[in-house]
Amino acid sequence: MKQIEANWTTIERLQTTPMALAAEVRELARGLVEVKQILDERGAKQRVGRPKKDEESKNDNAVS
């Protein structure tokens, strides 16, 4: 029974049109953009109050 389901899934994939695949790729890309925006926002929140790496290296040089 599992083999029949696997074969049917393969047949369905082969019948997918290029336009449908392109639409799926666009949807996946939108999802990736959303994830990137969320990660960027979280990263920005974590960096608040911390000096940037350039500023840290300047501070290290000033102390030594």
N, C-alpha and C. Protein backbone atom coordinates (compact mmCIF):
# COMPACT_ATOMS: atom_id res chain seq x y z
N MET A 1 0.83 -1.20 0.00
CA MET A 1 0.00 0.00 0.00
C MET A 1 0.87 1.26 0.00
N LYS A 2 1.97 1.25 0.79
CA LYS A 2 2.85 2.41 0.83
C LYS A 2 3.48 2.66 -0.54
N GLN A 3 3.80 1.57 -1.25
CA GLN A 3 4.40 1.71 -2.58
C GLN A 3 3.42 2.37 -3.54
N ILE A 4 2.17 2.03 -3.43
CA ILE A 4 1.15 2.64 -4.29
C ILE A 4 1.07 4.14 -4.01
N GLU A 5 1.07 4.49 -2.73
CA GLU A 5 1.02 5.91 -2.37
C GLU A 5 2.26 6.65 -2.86
N ALA A 6 3.42 6.03 -2.74
CA ALA A 6 4.67 6.64 -3.21
C ALA A 6 4.62 6.82 -4.72
N ASN A 7 4.13 5.82 -5.43
CA ASN A 7 4.02 5.93 -6.89
C ASN A 7 3.05 7.04 -7.28
N TRP A 8 1.93 7.13 -6.58
CA TRP A 8 0.94 8.16 -6.88
C TRP A 8 1.53 9.55 -6.64
N THR A 9 2.28 9.70 -5.56
CA THR A 9 2.92 10.97 -5.27
C THR A 9 3.90 11.34 -6.38
N THR A 10 4.64 10.37 -6.85
CA THR A 10 5.59 10.61 -7.95
C THR A 10 4.84 11.03 -9.21
N ILE A 11 3.76 10.37 -9.50
CA ILE A 11 2.95 10.71 -10.68
C ILE A 11 2.42 12.13 -10.55
N GLU A 12 1.92 12.49 -9.37
CA GLU A 12 1.41 13.84 -9.16
C GLU A 12 2.51 14.88 -9.38
N ARG A 13 3.71 14.60 -8.88
CA ARG A 13 4.82 15.52 -9.06
C ARG A 13 5.16 15.69 -10.53
N LEU A 14 5.16 14.60 -11.26
CA LEU A 14 5.50 14.65 -12.68
C LEU A 14 4.45 15.41 -13.49
N GLN A 15 3.23 15.45 -12.99
CA GLN A 15 2.16 16.14 -13.70
C GLN A 15 2.12 17.63 -13.35
N THR A 16 2.91 18.06 -12.41
CA THR A 16 2.92 19.46 -12.01
C THR A 16 3.50 20.30 -13.15
N THR A 17 2.81 21.36 -13.47
CA THR A 17 3.25 22.21 -14.58
C THR A 17 4.36 23.14 -14.13
N PRO A 18 5.16 23.62 -15.05
CA PRO A 18 6.20 24.59 -14.69
C PRO A 18 5.62 25.85 -14.04
N MET A 19 4.44 26.27 -14.48
CA MET A 19 3.82 27.46 -13.88
C MET A 19 3.47 27.21 -12.41
N ALA A 20 3.00 26.01 -12.12
CA ALA A 20 2.67 25.67 -10.74
C ALA A 20 3.94 25.62 -9.90
N LEU A 21 5.00 25.09 -10.48
CA LEU A 21 6.28 25.05 -9.76
C LEU A 21 6.80 26.46 -9.50
N ALA A 22 6.67 27.34 -10.50
CA ALA A 22 7.11 28.72 -10.34
C ALA A 22 6.31 29.41 -9.22
N ALA A 23 5.02 29.15 -9.17
CA ALA A 23 4.19 29.74 -8.12
C ALA A 23 4.63 29.23 -6.75
N GLU A 24 4.95 27.95 -6.68
CA GLU A 24 5.41 27.36 -5.42
C GLU A 24 6.74 27.98 -4.99
N VAL A 25 7.64 28.17 -5.94
CA VAL A 25 8.93 28.78 -5.64
C VAL A 25 8.73 30.22 -5.14
N ARG A 26 7.83 30.96 -5.77
CA ARG A 26 7.56 32.34 -5.32
C ARG A 26 7.02 32.34 -3.90
N GLU A 27 6.13 31.41 -3.60
CA GLU A 27 5.57 31.33 -2.25
C GLU A 27 6.66 31.00 -1.22
N LEU A 28 7.53 30.06 -1.57
CA LEU A 28 8.63 29.71 -0.68
C LEU A 28 9.56 30.91 -0.48
N ALA A 29 9.82 31.65 -1.54
CA ALA A 29 10.68 32.84 -1.44
C ALA A 29 10.06 33.88 -0.52
N ARG A 30 8.75 34.09 -0.64
CA ARG A 30 8.06 35.03 0.27
C ARG A 30 8.22 34.59 1.72
N GLY A 31 8.09 33.30 1.95
CA GLY A 31 8.26 32.78 3.30
C GLY A 31 9.66 33.02 3.82
N LEU A 32 10.65 32.83 2.96
CA LEU A 32 12.04 33.07 3.37
C LEU A 32 12.28 34.55 3.69
N VAL A 33 11.66 35.43 2.92
CA VAL A 33 11.80 36.87 3.17
C VAL A 33 11.19 37.21 4.54
N GLU A 34 10.04 36.62 4.83
CA GLU A 34 9.40 36.86 6.13
C GLU A 34 10.28 36.36 7.27
N VAL A 35 10.85 35.19 7.11
CA VAL A 35 11.73 34.63 8.14
C VAL A 35 12.95 35.52 8.33
N LYS A 36 13.52 36.00 7.24
CA LYS A 36 14.69 36.88 7.32
C LYS A 36 14.34 38.17 8.05
N GLN A 37 13.18 38.73 7.76
CA GLN A 37 12.76 39.96 8.44
C GLN A 37 12.61 39.73 9.93
N ILE A 38 12.02 38.62 10.32
CA ILE A 38 11.84 38.30 11.74
C ILE A 38 13.19 38.14 12.41
N LEU A 39 14.10 37.42 11.76
CA LEU A 39 15.44 37.22 12.33
C LEU A 39 16.19 38.54 12.43
N ASP A 40 16.05 39.40 11.42
CA ASP A 40 16.70 40.71 11.47
C ASP A 40 16.15 41.54 12.63
N GLU A 41 14.84 41.49 12.83
CA GLU A 41 14.23 42.24 13.93
C GLU A 41 14.72 41.72 15.27
N ARG A 42 14.78 40.42 15.41
CA ARG A 42 15.27 39.83 16.67
C ARG A 42 16.73 40.20 16.90
N GLY A 43 17.51 40.15 15.83
CA GLY A 43 18.92 40.51 15.94
C GLY A 43 19.09 41.96 16.33
N ALA A 44 18.26 42.83 15.79
CA ALA A 44 18.34 44.25 16.11
C ALA A 44 17.98 44.47 17.59
N LYS A 45 17.00 43.74 18.07
CA LYS A 45 16.61 43.87 19.47
C LYS A 45 17.73 43.41 20.39
N GLN A 46 18.44 42.35 19.98
CA GLN A 46 19.52 41.83 20.81
C GLN A 46 20.73 42.76 20.80
N ARG A 47 20.91 43.52 19.71
CA ARG A 47 22.07 44.41 19.61
C ARG A 47 21.85 45.75 20.29
N VAL A 48 20.63 46.07 20.68
CA VAL A 48 20.35 47.37 21.29
C VAL A 48 21.19 47.51 22.55
N GLY A 49 21.90 48.62 22.67
CA GLY A 49 22.70 48.88 23.86
C GLY A 49 24.11 48.34 23.79
N ARG A 50 24.40 47.52 22.81
CA ARG A 50 25.75 46.98 22.65
C ARG A 50 26.52 47.83 21.65
N PRO A 51 27.78 48.08 21.89
CA PRO A 51 28.56 48.79 20.87
C PRO A 51 28.78 47.90 19.66
N LYS A 52 28.92 48.52 18.52
CA LYS A 52 29.20 47.75 17.31
C LYS A 52 30.62 47.23 17.39
N LYS A 53 30.93 46.24 16.58
CA LYS A 53 32.27 45.63 16.62
C LYS A 53 33.35 46.66 16.36
N ASP A 54 33.13 47.59 15.44
CA ASP A 54 34.12 48.63 15.16
C ASP A 54 34.40 49.47 16.40
N GLU A 55 33.33 49.81 17.11
CA GLU A 55 33.48 50.60 18.33
C GLU A 55 34.20 49.80 19.41
N GLU A 56 33.93 48.50 19.48
CA GLU A 56 34.60 47.66 20.46
C GLU A 56 36.11 47.62 20.20
N SER A 57 36.49 47.49 18.94
CA SER A 57 37.91 47.42 18.64
C SER A 57 38.59 48.75 18.93
N LYS A 58 37.89 49.88 18.68
CA LYS A 58 38.45 51.19 19.02
C LYS A 58 38.65 51.31 20.52
N ASN A 59 37.66 50.84 21.29
CA ASN A 59 37.75 50.89 22.75
C ASN A 59 38.90 50.04 23.26
N ASP A 60 39.08 48.87 22.65
CA ASP A 60 40.18 47.98 23.05
C ASP A 60 41.52 48.65 22.78
N ASN A 61 41.64 49.31 21.65
CA ASN A 61 42.89 49.98 21.29
C ASN A 61 43.16 51.17 22.22
N ALA A 62 42.11 51.85 22.63
CA ALA A 62 42.27 53.02 23.49
C ALA A 62 42.73 52.59 24.89
N VAL A 63 42.26 51.44 25.35
CA VAL A 63 42.60 50.97 26.70
C VAL A 63 44.05 50.50 26.75
N SER A 64 44.52 49.86 25.69
CA SER A 64 45.87 49.30 25.72
C SER A 64 46.96 50.30 25.48
